[in-house]
Amino acid sequence: MSENLNSNNIENDDFHPINEDSDYKDLINRLNEIKSTIASIEKTIFK
């Protein structure tokens, strides 16, 4: 049964550079939002 799962994963794991580029940009944006949130929390804590 694990052989079937592996073959299905390979078939469904196509390379889509446009989607991956978009995912990368979304990740960078989200990380920047998290960074800003952490900076705001640090300012509040260390006042």
PDB file of N, CA and C in Angstrom:
ATOM      1  N   MET A   1       0.821  -1.193   0.000  1.00  0.00           N
ATOM      2  CA  MET A   1       0.000   0.000   0.000  1.00  0.00           C
ATOM      3  C   MET A   1       0.866   1.259   0.000  1.00  0.00           C
ATOM      4  N   SER A   2       1.979   1.263   0.696  1.00  0.00           N
ATOM      5  CA  SER A   2       2.829   2.445   0.711  1.00  0.00           C
ATOM      6  C   SER A   2       3.397   2.734  -0.674  1.00  0.00           C
ATOM      7  N   GLU A   3       3.552   1.700  -1.500  1.00  0.00           N
ATOM      8  CA  GLU A   3       4.026   1.914  -2.867  1.00  0.00           C
ATOM      9  C   GLU A   3       3.030   2.768  -3.642  1.00  0.00           C
ATOM     10  N   ASN A   4       1.737   2.515  -3.443  1.00  0.00           N
ATOM     11  CA  ASN A   4       0.712   3.311  -4.117  1.00  0.00           C
ATOM     12  C   ASN A   4       0.754   4.759  -3.647  1.00  0.00           C
ATOM     13  N   LEU A   5       0.933   4.972  -2.358  1.00  0.00           N
ATOM     14  CA  LEU A   5       0.990   6.330  -1.840  1.00  0.00           C
ATOM     15  C   LEU A   5       2.180   7.077  -2.419  1.00  0.00           C
ATOM     16  N   ASN A   6       3.321   6.420  -2.504  1.00  0.00           N
ATOM     17  CA  ASN A   6       4.509   7.080  -3.043  1.00  0.00           C
ATOM     18  C   ASN A   6       4.325   7.450  -4.502  1.00  0.00           C
ATOM     19  N   SER A   7       3.763   6.556  -5.288  1.00  0.00           N
ATOM     20  CA  SER A   7       3.574   6.853  -6.702  1.00  0.00           C
ATOM     21  C   SER A   7       2.553   7.969  -6.883  1.00  0.00           C
ATOM     22  N   ASN A   8       1.514   8.007  -6.045  1.00  0.00           N
ATOM     23  CA  ASN A   8       0.525   9.079  -6.129  1.00  0.00           C
ATOM     24  C   ASN A   8       1.152  10.415  -5.755  1.00  0.00           C
ATOM     25  N   ASN A   9       2.014  10.426  -4.770  1.00  0.00           N
ATOM     26  CA  ASN A   9       2.662  11.671  -4.361  1.00  0.00           C
ATOM     27  C   ASN A   9       3.548  12.216  -5.469  1.00  0.00           C
ATOM     28  N   ILE A  10       4.234  11.338  -6.156  1.00  0.00           N
ATOM     29  CA  ILE A  10       5.111  11.764  -7.239  1.00  0.00           C
ATOM     30  C   ILE A  10       4.277  12.352  -8.379  1.00  0.00           C
ATOM     31  N   GLU A  11       3.162  11.714  -8.697  1.00  0.00           N
ATOM     32  CA  GLU A  11       2.307  12.203  -9.772  1.00  0.00           C
ATOM     33  C   GLU A  11       1.699  13.560  -9.416  1.00  0.00           C
ATOM     34  N   ASN A  12       1.330  13.763  -8.168  1.00  0.00           N
ATOM     35  CA  ASN A  12       0.687  15.002  -7.750  1.00  0.00           C
ATOM     36  C   ASN A  12       1.691  16.094  -7.416  1.00  0.00           C
ATOM     37  N   ASP A  13       2.964  15.792  -7.422  1.00  0.00           N
ATOM     38  CA  ASP A  13       3.998  16.743  -7.030  1.00  0.00           C
ATOM     39  C   ASP A  13       4.658  17.353  -8.267  1.00  0.00           C
ATOM     40  N   ASP A  14       3.822  17.882  -9.166  1.00  0.00           N
ATOM     41  CA  ASP A  14       4.348  18.508 -10.383  1.00  0.00           C
ATOM     42  C   ASP A  14       5.001  19.839 -10.026  1.00  0.00           C
ATOM     43  N   PHE A  15       5.983  20.231 -10.837  1.00  0.00           N
ATOM     44  CA  PHE A  15       6.687  21.491 -10.621  1.00  0.00           C
ATOM     45  C   PHE A  15       5.943  22.598 -11.343  1.00  0.00           C
ATOM     46  N   HIS A  16       5.489  23.584 -10.597  1.00  0.00           N
ATOM     47  CA  HIS A  16       4.801  24.734 -11.163  1.00  0.00           C
ATOM     48  C   HIS A  16       5.544  25.990 -10.726  1.00  0.00           C
ATOM     49  N   PRO A  17       6.485  26.477 -11.557  1.00  0.00           N
ATOM     50  CA  PRO A  17       7.300  27.619 -11.136  1.00  0.00           C
ATOM     51  C   PRO A  17       6.489  28.872 -10.823  1.00  0.00           C
ATOM     52  N   ILE A  18       5.394  29.091 -11.521  1.00  0.00           N
ATOM     53  CA  ILE A  18       4.588  30.289 -11.263  1.00  0.00           C
ATOM     54  C   ILE A  18       3.961  30.190  -9.878  1.00  0.00           C
ATOM     55  N   ASN A  19       3.396  29.038  -9.555  1.00  0.00           N
ATOM     56  CA  ASN A  19       2.788  28.853  -8.245  1.00  0.00           C
ATOM     57  C   ASN A  19       3.831  28.921  -7.142  1.00  0.00           C
ATOM     58  N   GLU A  20       4.986  28.335  -7.363  1.00  0.00           N
ATOM     59  CA  GLU A  20       6.024  28.346  -6.342  1.00  0.00           C
ATOM     60  C   GLU A  20       6.553  29.751  -6.133  1.00  0.00           C
ATOM     61  N   ASP A  21       6.665  30.534  -7.191  1.00  0.00           N
ATOM     62  CA  ASP A  21       7.116  31.917  -7.064  1.00  0.00           C
ATOM     63  C   ASP A  21       6.098  32.712  -6.258  1.00  0.00           C
ATOM     64  N   SER A  22       4.839  32.502  -6.542  1.00  0.00           N
ATOM     65  CA  SER A  22       3.774  33.180  -5.813  1.00  0.00           C
ATOM     66  C   SER A  22       3.776  32.739  -4.349  1.00  0.00           C
ATOM     67  N   ASP A  23       3.952  31.452  -4.115  1.00  0.00           N
ATOM     68  CA  ASP A  23       4.014  30.936  -2.753  1.00  0.00           C
ATOM     69  C   ASP A  23       5.187  31.544  -2.002  1.00  0.00           C
ATOM     70  N   TYR A  24       6.307  31.688  -2.680  1.00  0.00           N
ATOM     71  CA  TYR A  24       7.500  32.275  -2.074  1.00  0.00           C
ATOM     72  C   TYR A  24       7.236  33.727  -1.687  1.00  0.00           C
ATOM     73  N   LYS A  25       6.625  34.480  -2.581  1.00  0.00           N
ATOM     74  CA  LYS A  25       6.321  35.886  -2.292  1.00  0.00           C
ATOM     75  C   LYS A  25       5.327  35.994  -1.137  1.00  0.00           C
ATOM     76  N   ASP A  26       4.322  35.118  -1.132  1.00  0.00           N
ATOM     77  CA  ASP A  26       3.360  35.110  -0.027  1.00  0.00           C
ATOM     78  C   ASP A  26       4.046  34.793   1.299  1.00  0.00           C
ATOM     79  N   LEU A  27       4.977  33.867   1.273  1.00  0.00           N
ATOM     80  CA  LEU A  27       5.715  33.502   2.482  1.00  0.00           C
ATOM     81  C   LEU A  27       6.548  34.673   2.981  1.00  0.00           C
ATOM     82  N   ILE A  28       7.238  35.352   2.082  1.00  0.00           N
ATOM     83  CA  ILE A  28       8.047  36.520   2.460  1.00  0.00           C
ATOM     84  C   ILE A  28       7.160  37.597   3.065  1.00  0.00           C
ATOM     85  N   ASN A  29       6.005  37.849   2.443  1.00  0.00           N
ATOM     86  CA  ASN A  29       5.080  38.846   2.982  1.00  0.00           C
ATOM     87  C   ASN A  29       4.596  38.459   4.368  1.00  0.00           C
ATOM     88  N   ARG A  30       4.253  37.197   4.546  1.00  0.00           N
ATOM     89  CA  ARG A  30       3.775  36.726   5.851  1.00  0.00           C
ATOM     90  C   ARG A  30       4.879  36.831   6.899  1.00  0.00           C
ATOM     91  N   LEU A  31       6.105  36.487   6.530  1.00  0.00           N
ATOM     92  CA  LEU A  31       7.221  36.596   7.471  1.00  0.00           C
ATOM     93  C   LEU A  31       7.470  38.055   7.858  1.00  0.00           C
ATOM     94  N   ASN A  32       7.322  38.970   6.914  1.00  0.00           N
ATOM     95  CA  ASN A  32       7.465  40.391   7.227  1.00  0.00           C
ATOM     96  C   ASN A  32       6.370  40.858   8.186  1.00  0.00           C
ATOM     97  N   GLU A  33       5.149  40.355   8.000  1.00  0.00           N
ATOM     98  CA  GLU A  33       4.060  40.691   8.917  1.00  0.00           C
ATOM     99  C   GLU A  33       4.366  40.161  10.326  1.00  0.00           C
ATOM    100  N   ILE A  34       4.870  38.952  10.406  1.00  0.00           N
ATOM    101  CA  ILE A  34       5.223  38.361  11.698  1.00  0.00           C
ATOM    102  C   ILE A  34       6.336  39.162  12.351  1.00  0.00           C
ATOM    103  N   LYS A  35       7.317  39.572  11.557  1.00  0.00           N
ATOM    104  CA  LYS A  35       8.422  40.381  12.073  1.00  0.00           C
ATOM    105  C   LYS A  35       7.897  41.687  12.666  1.00  0.00           C
ATOM    106  N   SER A  36       6.980  42.341  11.967  1.00  0.00           N
ATOM    107  CA  SER A  36       6.392  43.586  12.460  1.00  0.00           C
ATOM    108  C   SER A  36       5.602  43.364  13.743  1.00  0.00           C
ATOM    109  N   THR A  37       4.860  42.281  13.786  1.00  0.00           N
ATOM    110  CA  THR A  37       4.082  41.956  14.979  1.00  0.00           C
ATOM    111  C   THR A  37       4.997  41.728  16.177  1.00  0.00           C
ATOM    112  N   ILE A  38       6.064  40.989  15.967  1.00  0.00           N
ATOM    113  CA  ILE A  38       7.019  40.725  17.042  1.00  0.00           C
ATOM    114  C   ILE A  38       7.659  42.027  17.513  1.00  0.00           C
ATOM    115  N   ALA A  39       8.011  42.905  16.592  1.00  0.00           N
ATOM    116  CA  ALA A  39       8.611  44.190  16.960  1.00  0.00           C
ATOM    117  C   ALA A  39       7.635  45.018  17.800  1.00  0.00           C
ATOM    118  N   SER A  40       6.367  45.012  17.434  1.00  0.00           N
ATOM    119  CA  SER A  40       5.354  45.750  18.197  1.00  0.00           C
ATOM    120  C   SER A  40       5.194  45.172  19.600  1.00  0.00           C
ATOM    121  N   ILE A  41       5.187  43.863  19.693  1.00  0.00           N
ATOM    122  CA  ILE A  41       5.060  43.201  20.999  1.00  0.00           C
ATOM    123  C   ILE A  41       6.275  43.514  21.865  1.00  0.00           C
ATOM    124  N   GLU A  42       7.451  43.497  21.260  1.00  0.00           N
ATOM    125  CA  GLU A  42       8.668  43.808  22.017  1.00  0.00           C
ATOM    126  C   GLU A  42       8.625  45.244  22.552  1.00  0.00           C
ATOM    127  N   LYS A  43       8.144  46.176  21.747  1.00  0.00           N
ATOM    128  CA  LYS A  43       8.031  47.562  22.201  1.00  0.00           C
ATOM    129  C   LYS A  43       7.077  47.659  23.377  1.00  0.00           C
ATOM    130  N   THR A  44       5.974  46.923  23.315  1.00  0.00           N
ATOM    131  CA  THR A  44       4.994  46.943  24.388  1.00  0.00           C
ATOM    132  C   THR A  44       5.559  46.334  25.659  1.00  0.00           C
ATOM    133  N   ILE A  45       6.263  45.240  25.525  1.00  0.00           N
ATOM    134  CA  ILE A  45       6.807  44.530  26.697  1.00  0.00           C
ATOM    135  C   ILE A  45       7.922  45.324  27.357  1.00  0.00           C
ATOM    136  N   PHE A  46       8.782  45.932  26.579  1.00  0.00           N
ATOM    137  CA  PHE A  46       9.983  46.573  27.122  1.00  0.00           C
ATOM    138  C   PHE A  46       9.830  48.076  27.347  1.00  0.00           C
ATOM    139  N   LYS A  47       8.587  48.568  27.445  1.00  0.00           N
ATOM    140  CA  LYS A  47       8.377  49.996  27.723  1.00  0.00           C
ATOM    141  C   LYS A  47       8.763  50.311  29.139  1.00  0.00           C
TER     142      LYS A  47
END
